[in-house]
N, C-alpha and C. Protein backbone atom coordinates (compact mmCIF):
# COMPACT_ATOMS: atom_id res chain seq x y z
N MET A 1 0.83 -1.18 0.00
CA MET A 1 0.00 0.00 0.00
C MET A 1 0.87 1.25 0.00
N ASP A 2 0.34 2.30 -0.57
CA ASP A 2 1.06 3.56 -0.68
C ASP A 2 0.72 4.45 0.52
N VAL A 3 1.71 4.78 1.32
CA VAL A 3 1.49 5.57 2.52
C VAL A 3 1.00 6.97 2.17
N ARG A 4 1.62 7.59 1.17
CA ARG A 4 1.23 8.95 0.80
C ARG A 4 -0.25 9.00 0.41
N ALA A 5 -0.70 8.05 -0.38
CA ALA A 5 -2.10 8.02 -0.80
C ALA A 5 -3.02 7.82 0.40
N THR A 6 -2.61 7.00 1.35
CA THR A 6 -3.42 6.76 2.55
C THR A 6 -3.48 8.01 3.42
N VAL A 7 -2.37 8.72 3.55
CA VAL A 7 -2.36 9.97 4.32
C VAL A 7 -3.27 11.00 3.65
N ILE A 8 -3.20 11.11 2.34
CA ILE A 8 -4.06 12.05 1.61
C ILE A 8 -5.53 11.68 1.80
N THR A 9 -5.83 10.39 1.76
CA THR A 9 -7.21 9.94 2.00
C THR A 9 -7.66 10.29 3.41
N ARG A 10 -6.79 10.11 4.38
CA ARG A 10 -7.12 10.44 5.78
C ARG A 10 -7.36 11.94 5.94
N LEU A 11 -6.52 12.76 5.33
CA LEU A 11 -6.69 14.20 5.40
C LEU A 11 -7.98 14.64 4.73
N THR A 12 -8.31 14.01 3.62
CA THR A 12 -9.55 14.31 2.92
C THR A 12 -10.75 13.96 3.79
N ALA A 13 -10.66 12.84 4.49
CA ALA A 13 -11.75 12.43 5.38
C ALA A 13 -11.93 13.42 6.53
N LEU A 14 -10.87 14.10 6.89
CA LEU A 14 -10.93 15.10 7.96
C LEU A 14 -11.29 16.49 7.44
N GLY A 15 -11.57 16.59 6.15
CA GLY A 15 -12.01 17.86 5.57
C GLY A 15 -10.92 18.72 4.98
N TYR A 16 -9.69 18.23 4.93
CA TYR A 16 -8.59 19.01 4.36
C TYR A 16 -8.30 18.53 2.95
N THR A 17 -8.26 19.45 2.01
CA THR A 17 -7.93 19.13 0.62
C THR A 17 -6.45 19.37 0.40
N VAL A 18 -5.73 18.32 0.05
CA VAL A 18 -4.28 18.41 -0.15
C VAL A 18 -3.99 19.09 -1.48
N MET A 19 -3.15 20.11 -1.42
CA MET A 19 -2.73 20.85 -2.62
C MET A 19 -1.35 20.37 -3.05
N GLU A 20 -0.96 20.73 -4.24
CA GLU A 20 0.34 20.35 -4.79
C GLU A 20 1.48 20.84 -3.88
N GLY A 21 1.32 22.03 -3.30
CA GLY A 21 2.34 22.60 -2.43
C GLY A 21 2.49 21.88 -1.10
N ASP A 22 1.52 21.02 -0.76
CA ASP A 22 1.57 20.29 0.51
C ASP A 22 2.37 18.99 0.41
N LEU A 23 2.66 18.53 -0.78
CA LEU A 23 3.26 17.20 -0.96
C LEU A 23 4.64 17.08 -0.34
N ALA A 24 5.45 18.12 -0.43
CA ALA A 24 6.79 18.06 0.17
C ALA A 24 6.68 17.95 1.70
N ALA A 25 5.78 18.70 2.29
CA ALA A 25 5.57 18.62 3.74
C ALA A 25 5.02 17.25 4.12
N LEU A 26 4.10 16.71 3.33
CA LEU A 26 3.56 15.38 3.61
C LEU A 26 4.66 14.33 3.59
N ASP A 27 5.53 14.40 2.59
CA ASP A 27 6.63 13.44 2.51
C ASP A 27 7.54 13.55 3.74
N TYR A 28 7.76 14.78 4.20
CA TYR A 28 8.57 14.98 5.40
C TYR A 28 7.92 14.30 6.61
N TYR A 29 6.64 14.53 6.81
CA TYR A 29 5.95 13.96 7.98
C TYR A 29 5.79 12.45 7.87
N ILE A 30 5.66 11.95 6.67
CA ILE A 30 5.61 10.49 6.47
C ILE A 30 6.94 9.88 6.89
N GLY A 31 8.05 10.50 6.48
CA GLY A 31 9.37 10.02 6.87
C GLY A 31 9.61 10.16 8.37
N LYS A 32 9.15 11.27 8.94
CA LYS A 32 9.33 11.48 10.38
C LYS A 32 8.54 10.45 11.19
N ALA A 33 7.29 10.20 10.80
CA ALA A 33 6.48 9.20 11.49
C ALA A 33 7.08 7.80 11.32
N GLU A 34 7.60 7.52 10.14
CA GLU A 34 8.25 6.22 9.90
C GLU A 34 9.43 6.04 10.84
N ASN A 35 10.24 7.08 10.97
CA ASN A 35 11.41 7.01 11.83
C ASN A 35 11.01 6.80 13.29
N VAL A 36 9.99 7.52 13.75
CA VAL A 36 9.51 7.35 15.13
C VAL A 36 9.07 5.92 15.37
N LEU A 37 8.30 5.35 14.46
CA LEU A 37 7.81 3.99 14.64
C LEU A 37 8.94 2.96 14.56
N ARG A 38 9.90 3.17 13.66
CA ARG A 38 11.03 2.24 13.57
C ARG A 38 11.85 2.26 14.86
N VAL A 39 12.07 3.43 15.42
CA VAL A 39 12.84 3.54 16.67
C VAL A 39 12.07 2.91 17.83
N ARG A 40 10.77 3.18 17.91
CA ARG A 40 9.98 2.67 19.03
C ARG A 40 9.74 1.17 18.95
N THR A 41 9.87 0.58 17.75
CA THR A 41 9.70 -0.87 17.63
C THR A 41 11.03 -1.60 17.47
N ASN A 42 12.13 -0.86 17.32
CA ASN A 42 13.45 -1.45 17.09
C ASN A 42 13.47 -2.36 15.87
N GLN A 43 12.85 -1.89 14.80
CA GLN A 43 12.83 -2.65 13.55
C GLN A 43 13.37 -1.78 12.42
N LEU A 44 13.82 -2.44 11.36
CA LEU A 44 14.39 -1.72 10.23
C LEU A 44 13.33 -1.12 9.32
N ALA A 45 12.11 -1.64 9.39
CA ALA A 45 10.99 -1.12 8.61
C ALA A 45 9.76 -1.09 9.49
N VAL A 46 8.82 -0.24 9.15
CA VAL A 46 7.58 -0.17 9.91
C VAL A 46 6.81 -1.47 9.69
N PRO A 47 6.43 -2.16 10.76
CA PRO A 47 5.67 -3.41 10.61
C PRO A 47 4.35 -3.16 9.89
N GLU A 48 3.93 -4.15 9.14
CA GLU A 48 2.69 -4.03 8.35
C GLU A 48 1.49 -3.70 9.23
N GLY A 49 1.46 -4.23 10.43
CA GLY A 49 0.34 -3.99 11.33
C GLY A 49 0.24 -2.56 11.84
N LEU A 50 1.29 -1.77 11.64
CA LEU A 50 1.27 -0.37 12.06
C LEU A 50 1.10 0.59 10.88
N PHE A 51 0.67 0.07 9.75
CA PHE A 51 0.54 0.90 8.55
C PHE A 51 -0.41 2.07 8.78
N TYR A 52 -1.59 1.81 9.31
CA TYR A 52 -2.57 2.88 9.51
C TYR A 52 -2.19 3.80 10.67
N VAL A 53 -1.46 3.29 11.63
CA VAL A 53 -0.92 4.12 12.70
C VAL A 53 0.08 5.10 12.10
N TRP A 54 0.91 4.59 11.19
CA TRP A 54 1.89 5.42 10.49
C TRP A 54 1.20 6.53 9.71
N ALA A 55 0.16 6.19 8.97
CA ALA A 55 -0.57 7.18 8.18
C ALA A 55 -1.25 8.21 9.08
N ASP A 56 -1.84 7.76 10.19
CA ASP A 56 -2.47 8.68 11.13
C ASP A 56 -1.46 9.63 11.76
N MET A 57 -0.29 9.08 12.13
CA MET A 57 0.74 9.93 12.73
C MET A 57 1.18 11.01 11.76
N ALA A 58 1.42 10.65 10.51
CA ALA A 58 1.86 11.61 9.51
C ALA A 58 0.79 12.68 9.27
N ALA A 59 -0.47 12.25 9.16
CA ALA A 59 -1.57 13.21 8.95
C ALA A 59 -1.71 14.12 10.16
N GLY A 60 -1.60 13.55 11.36
CA GLY A 60 -1.71 14.36 12.57
C GLY A 60 -0.59 15.37 12.71
N MET A 61 0.63 14.95 12.39
CA MET A 61 1.77 15.88 12.43
C MET A 61 1.57 17.02 11.44
N PHE A 62 1.10 16.67 10.24
CA PHE A 62 0.87 17.67 9.20
C PHE A 62 -0.17 18.69 9.66
N LEU A 63 -1.32 18.21 10.16
CA LEU A 63 -2.39 19.11 10.58
C LEU A 63 -1.99 19.94 11.81
N THR A 64 -1.22 19.35 12.71
CA THR A 64 -0.77 20.08 13.90
C THR A 64 0.09 21.27 13.50
N ASP A 65 1.06 21.04 12.62
CA ASP A 65 1.92 22.14 12.19
C ASP A 65 1.18 23.14 11.32
N LYS A 66 0.26 22.65 10.51
CA LYS A 66 -0.54 23.53 9.65
C LYS A 66 -1.41 24.44 10.53
N LYS A 67 -1.98 23.90 11.60
CA LYS A 67 -2.79 24.69 12.52
C LYS A 67 -1.93 25.71 13.26
N ALA A 68 -0.76 25.29 13.70
CA ALA A 68 0.14 26.19 14.43
C ALA A 68 0.58 27.36 13.55
N ALA A 69 0.67 27.13 12.25
CA ALA A 69 1.07 28.18 11.32
C ALA A 69 -0.11 29.03 10.87
N GLY A 70 -1.31 28.69 11.33
CA GLY A 70 -2.50 29.45 10.95
C GLY A 70 -3.08 29.04 9.62
N GLY A 71 -2.67 27.90 9.09
CA GLY A 71 -3.13 27.46 7.78
C GLY A 71 -4.49 26.77 7.77
N LEU A 72 -5.09 26.58 8.93
CA LEU A 72 -6.39 25.91 8.99
C LEU A 72 -7.53 26.86 9.36
N ASN A 73 -7.22 28.14 9.58
CA ASN A 73 -8.24 29.08 10.02
C ASN A 73 -9.35 29.28 8.99
N ASP A 74 -9.02 29.19 7.71
CA ASP A 74 -10.03 29.34 6.66
C ASP A 74 -10.86 28.08 6.51
N LEU A 75 -10.29 26.95 6.83
CA LEU A 75 -10.97 25.67 6.64
C LEU A 75 -11.86 25.29 7.81
N TYR A 76 -11.36 25.48 9.03
CA TYR A 76 -12.10 25.11 10.23
C TYR A 76 -12.44 26.37 11.01
N ASP A 77 -13.64 26.41 11.57
CA ASP A 77 -14.06 27.53 12.39
C ASP A 77 -13.81 27.17 13.85
N PHE A 78 -12.75 27.74 14.43
CA PHE A 78 -12.38 27.43 15.80
C PHE A 78 -13.02 28.38 16.81
N SER A 79 -13.88 29.28 16.34
CA SER A 79 -14.52 30.19 17.29
C SER A 79 -15.52 29.41 18.13
N ALA A 80 -15.69 29.85 19.35
CA ALA A 80 -16.55 29.14 20.30
C ALA A 80 -18.03 29.36 19.95
N PRO A 81 -18.79 28.27 19.85
CA PRO A 81 -20.22 28.41 19.60
C PRO A 81 -20.93 28.85 20.89
N ALA A 82 -22.15 29.26 20.74
CA ALA A 82 -22.94 29.66 21.91
C ALA A 82 -23.19 28.43 22.80
N LYS A 83 -23.01 28.61 24.11
CA LYS A 83 -23.26 27.51 25.04
C LYS A 83 -24.75 27.39 25.35
N SER A 84 -25.43 28.52 25.36
CA SER A 84 -26.86 28.49 25.64
C SER A 84 -27.55 29.64 24.92
N VAL A 85 -28.83 29.44 24.67
CA VAL A 85 -29.65 30.45 24.01
C VAL A 85 -30.89 30.65 24.86
N SER A 86 -31.21 31.89 25.11
CA SER A 86 -32.40 32.20 25.91
C SER A 86 -33.26 33.21 25.15
N GLU A 87 -34.56 32.94 25.16
CA GLU A 87 -35.50 33.89 24.58
C GLU A 87 -36.76 33.83 25.43
N GLY A 88 -37.07 34.94 26.03
CA GLY A 88 -38.22 34.97 26.92
C GLY A 88 -37.98 34.07 28.12
N ASP A 89 -38.91 33.17 28.38
CA ASP A 89 -38.76 32.26 29.52
C ASP A 89 -38.22 30.89 29.10
N THR A 90 -37.76 30.77 27.84
CA THR A 90 -37.22 29.51 27.33
C THR A 90 -35.71 29.61 27.21
N SER A 91 -35.03 28.59 27.71
CA SER A 91 -33.57 28.55 27.67
C SER A 91 -33.12 27.17 27.20
N VAL A 92 -32.16 27.14 26.29
CA VAL A 92 -31.61 25.88 25.78
C VAL A 92 -30.10 25.91 25.98
N THR A 93 -29.56 24.85 26.61
CA THR A 93 -28.12 24.71 26.81
C THR A 93 -27.64 23.53 25.96
N PHE A 94 -26.60 23.76 25.20
CA PHE A 94 -26.10 22.74 24.29
C PHE A 94 -25.10 21.83 24.99
N ALA A 95 -25.09 20.56 24.62
CA ALA A 95 -24.20 19.57 25.22
C ALA A 95 -22.74 19.85 24.88
N LEU A 96 -22.50 20.54 23.78
CA LEU A 96 -21.13 20.84 23.36
C LEU A 96 -20.38 21.61 24.45
N ALA A 97 -21.11 22.36 25.25
CA ALA A 97 -20.47 23.14 26.31
C ALA A 97 -19.76 22.23 27.31
N ASP A 98 -20.25 21.02 27.50
CA ASP A 98 -19.65 20.10 28.46
C ASP A 98 -18.41 19.40 27.92
N SER A 99 -18.32 19.24 26.60
CA SER A 99 -17.22 18.48 26.02
C SER A 99 -16.09 19.38 25.50
N GLY A 100 -16.15 20.66 25.76
CA GLY A 100 -15.09 21.56 25.32
C GLY A 100 -15.42 22.18 23.98
N THR A 101 -14.61 23.14 23.60
CA THR A 101 -14.82 23.80 22.33
C THR A 101 -14.41 22.90 21.17
N PHE A 102 -14.80 23.29 19.98
CA PHE A 102 -14.40 22.52 18.81
C PHE A 102 -12.88 22.48 18.69
N GLU A 103 -12.23 23.58 19.01
CA GLU A 103 -10.77 23.62 18.92
C GLU A 103 -10.13 22.65 19.91
N ASN A 104 -10.68 22.57 21.13
CA ASN A 104 -10.15 21.62 22.12
C ASN A 104 -10.34 20.18 21.64
N GLN A 105 -11.49 19.89 21.08
CA GLN A 105 -11.76 18.55 20.56
C GLN A 105 -10.85 18.23 19.38
N PHE A 106 -10.63 19.21 18.51
CA PHE A 106 -9.74 19.03 17.36
C PHE A 106 -8.31 18.77 17.83
N ASP A 107 -7.85 19.55 18.81
CA ASP A 107 -6.49 19.36 19.35
C ASP A 107 -6.34 18.00 20.00
N ALA A 108 -7.37 17.54 20.71
CA ALA A 108 -7.33 16.22 21.35
C ALA A 108 -7.26 15.11 20.30
N MET A 109 -8.00 15.28 19.20
CA MET A 109 -7.96 14.30 18.12
C MET A 109 -6.56 14.24 17.50
N LEU A 110 -5.97 15.41 17.27
CA LEU A 110 -4.62 15.46 16.69
C LEU A 110 -3.60 14.83 17.63
N ALA A 111 -3.74 15.07 18.93
CA ALA A 111 -2.82 14.49 19.91
C ALA A 111 -2.89 12.97 19.88
N LYS A 112 -4.09 12.42 19.74
CA LYS A 112 -4.24 10.96 19.66
C LYS A 112 -3.66 10.41 18.36
N MET A 113 -3.76 11.17 17.29
CA MET A 113 -3.20 10.72 16.02
C MET A 113 -1.67 10.71 16.07
N VAL A 114 -1.10 11.77 16.63
CA VAL A 114 0.36 11.90 16.67
C VAL A 114 0.98 10.96 17.71
N ASN A 115 0.27 10.72 18.80
CA ASN A 115 0.77 9.86 19.88
C ASN A 115 -0.16 8.65 20.04
N PRO A 116 0.03 7.64 19.19
CA PRO A 116 -0.86 6.48 19.26
C PRO A 116 -0.68 5.70 20.55
N SER A 117 -1.61 4.82 20.81
CA SER A 117 -1.57 3.99 22.01
C SER A 117 -0.25 3.20 22.06
N GLU A 118 0.40 3.26 23.20
CA GLU A 118 1.67 2.55 23.38
C GLU A 118 1.47 1.04 23.26
N ASP A 119 0.29 0.55 23.68
CA ASP A 119 0.00 -0.88 23.57
C ASP A 119 0.06 -1.37 22.13
N MET A 120 -0.39 -0.52 21.21
CA MET A 120 -0.37 -0.88 19.79
C MET A 120 1.07 -1.03 19.30
N ILE A 121 1.94 -0.15 19.73
CA ILE A 121 3.33 -0.17 19.27
C ILE A 121 4.11 -1.30 19.95
N ILE A 122 3.86 -1.51 21.23
CA ILE A 122 4.57 -2.55 21.97
C ILE A 122 4.34 -3.93 21.36
N ALA A 123 3.17 -4.12 20.78
CA ALA A 123 2.86 -5.42 20.17
C ALA A 123 3.85 -5.77 19.06
N PHE A 124 4.50 -4.78 18.47
CA PHE A 124 5.44 -5.01 17.37
C PHE A 124 6.90 -4.74 17.75
N ARG A 125 7.15 -4.49 19.01
CA ARG A 125 8.49 -4.15 19.49
C ARG A 125 9.38 -5.39 19.52
N ARG A 126 10.63 -5.20 19.11
CA ARG A 126 11.65 -6.23 19.19
C ARG A 126 12.71 -5.79 20.19
N LEU A 127 13.23 -6.75 20.92
CA LEU A 127 14.28 -6.44 21.89
C LEU A 127 15.61 -6.21 21.19
N VAL A 128 16.40 -5.34 21.75
CA VAL A 128 17.73 -5.06 21.22
C VAL A 128 18.73 -5.79 22.11
N TRP A 129 19.59 -6.59 21.52
CA TRP A 129 20.59 -7.35 22.29
C TRP A 129 21.93 -6.69 22.19
């Protein structure tokens, strides 16, 4: 399977359209995620079972840096929605207020993508003698 194509598919699923100018950065993050997984598993290549973890890590790294640079402000609306609406004697409070803002939820999703479950990686770890 092609990692770059899988990362592009993952980014598209998250609402980001990959442009021609993004490909060099994507290749960088794919290589960086590959290196992290190879080091954490002590293997010469990323194990097949970590393929989607690799793609998620690369996509998460890409979106994290893109957000930090302000490149996602046009695509995602990070402004806080109204927590409650009142008119007359009627008041409605939205559940979103309890789970944090959209930006907090987005950041939490990116953190999980960039830092996958250690249990998943340990399953493919080899000992170094």
